[in-house]
């Protein structure tokens, strides 16, 4: 969860995630939206990868990024449960499987 919130702390990385919400994009396509150098954008992409918020697919020199919304949702729900905004029973766990007809 710490890596996710570290990634979300920066407005540039939040904007990258907003852009990826619409569709997968190459590193170059994403970089076009920012006035930063390639090394700066690469550092932002590395933080997003470290937080597991993006999926990366390489094809030759092209790198395509996709948003991993489930990771973001899990972190936000976990945080909300930890601070008592929602009950921990309401937060999803990957290991918990609900049987049909149960909550």
Protein backbone atom coordinates (compact mmCIF):
# COMPACT_ATOMS: atom_id res chain seq x y z
CA UNK A 1 0.00 0.00 0.00
CA UNK A 2 2.90 2.39 0.74
CA UNK A 3 4.23 2.12 -2.82
CA UNK A 4 0.78 2.93 -4.20
CA UNK A 5 0.44 6.06 -2.09
CA UNK A 6 4.00 7.12 -2.94
CA UNK A 7 3.06 6.85 -6.61
CA UNK A 8 -0.18 8.78 -6.09
CA UNK A 9 1.58 11.57 -4.17
CA UNK A 10 2.89 13.14 -7.37
CA UNK A 11 0.50 15.05 -9.68
CA UNK A 12 2.39 13.94 -12.79
CA UNK A 13 1.91 10.28 -11.93
CA UNK A 14 -1.77 10.87 -11.12
CA UNK A 15 -2.16 12.48 -14.56
CA UNK A 16 -0.44 9.50 -16.21
CA UNK A 17 -2.98 7.20 -14.52
CA UNK A 18 -5.83 9.44 -15.70
CA UNK A 19 -4.55 9.21 -19.26
CA UNK A 20 -4.22 5.43 -19.02
CA UNK A 21 -7.79 5.20 -17.79
CA UNK A 22 -8.92 6.01 -21.34
CA UNK A 23 -6.69 3.50 -23.15
CA UNK A 24 -3.26 1.82 -23.11
CA UNK A 25 -0.57 4.21 -24.33
CA UNK A 26 3.07 4.06 -25.31
CA UNK A 27 5.68 5.86 -23.26
CA UNK A 28 6.05 8.36 -26.10
CA UNK A 29 2.32 9.06 -26.26
CA UNK A 30 2.24 9.66 -22.52
CA UNK A 31 5.34 11.87 -22.61
CA UNK A 32 3.68 14.14 -25.20
CA UNK A 33 1.33 15.35 -22.45
CA UNK A 34 4.14 16.63 -20.21
CA UNK A 35 6.92 19.23 -20.49
CA UNK A 36 9.51 16.88 -18.96
CA UNK A 37 12.59 15.14 -20.34
CA UNK A 38 12.52 11.44 -21.21
CA UNK A 39 14.64 10.51 -18.17
CA UNK A 40 12.20 12.37 -15.88
CA UNK A 41 9.23 10.57 -17.42
CA UNK A 42 11.08 7.24 -17.16
CA UNK A 43 11.53 7.87 -13.44
CA UNK A 44 7.78 8.49 -13.07
CA UNK A 45 7.02 5.31 -15.02
CA UNK A 46 9.39 3.36 -12.75
CA UNK A 47 7.54 4.50 -9.64
CA UNK A 48 4.22 3.45 -11.20
CA UNK A 49 5.69 0.04 -12.09
CA UNK A 50 7.12 -0.37 -8.58
CA UNK A 51 3.65 0.28 -7.15
CA UNK A 52 2.23 -2.28 -9.61
CA UNK A 53 -0.24 0.34 -10.87
CA UNK A 54 0.65 -0.24 -14.51
CA UNK A 55 1.22 -3.25 -16.68
CA UNK A 56 4.11 -2.91 -19.12
CA UNK A 57 4.39 -4.61 -22.47
CA UNK A 58 7.56 -4.22 -24.52
CA UNK A 59 7.69 -4.76 -28.24
CA UNK A 60 11.11 -3.89 -29.63
CA UNK A 61 11.79 -0.29 -28.60
CA UNK A 62 8.12 0.42 -27.93
CA UNK A 63 6.82 0.25 -24.36
CA UNK A 64 3.05 0.18 -23.84
CA UNK A 65 1.53 0.98 -20.44
CA UNK A 66 -1.86 -0.18 -19.17
CA UNK A 67 -3.59 0.86 -15.97
CA UNK A 68 -4.03 -1.90 -13.37
CA UNK A 69 -7.16 -0.48 -11.78
CA UNK A 70 -7.65 -3.46 -9.44
CA UNK A 71 -4.39 -2.65 -7.62
CA UNK A 72 -5.47 0.94 -7.13
CA UNK A 73 -8.93 -0.12 -5.94
CA UNK A 74 -7.48 -2.63 -3.46
CA UNK A 75 -5.09 -0.04 -1.99
CA UNK A 76 -7.78 2.59 -1.63
CA UNK A 77 -10.25 0.17 -0.07
CA UNK A 78 -7.56 -1.17 2.26
CA UNK A 79 -6.71 2.35 3.37
CA UNK A 80 -10.36 3.26 3.86
CA UNK A 81 -10.77 0.16 6.02
CA UNK A 82 -7.62 0.90 8.00
CA UNK A 83 -8.78 4.39 8.94
CA UNK A 84 -12.33 3.29 9.66
CA UNK A 85 -14.05 4.96 6.73
CA UNK A 86 -15.53 1.60 5.79
CA UNK A 87 -15.69 -1.62 7.74
CA UNK A 88 -12.83 -4.06 7.17
CA UNK A 89 -15.45 -6.72 6.45
CA UNK A 90 -16.46 -4.68 3.38
CA UNK A 91 -12.94 -4.59 1.95
CA UNK A 92 -12.23 -7.26 -0.65
CA UNK A 93 -9.51 -9.83 -0.10
CA UNK A 94 -8.03 -11.72 -2.99
CA UNK A 95 -7.92 -14.90 -0.95
CA UNK A 96 -11.56 -14.67 0.18
CA UNK A 97 -14.06 -16.37 -2.09
CA UNK A 98 -17.72 -15.67 -1.46
CA UNK A 99 -20.17 -18.46 -2.02
CA UNK A 100 -23.32 -17.77 -3.98
CA UNK A 101 -25.95 -16.23 -1.74
CA UNK A 102 -23.51 -14.98 0.95
CA UNK A 103 -22.10 -11.54 1.66
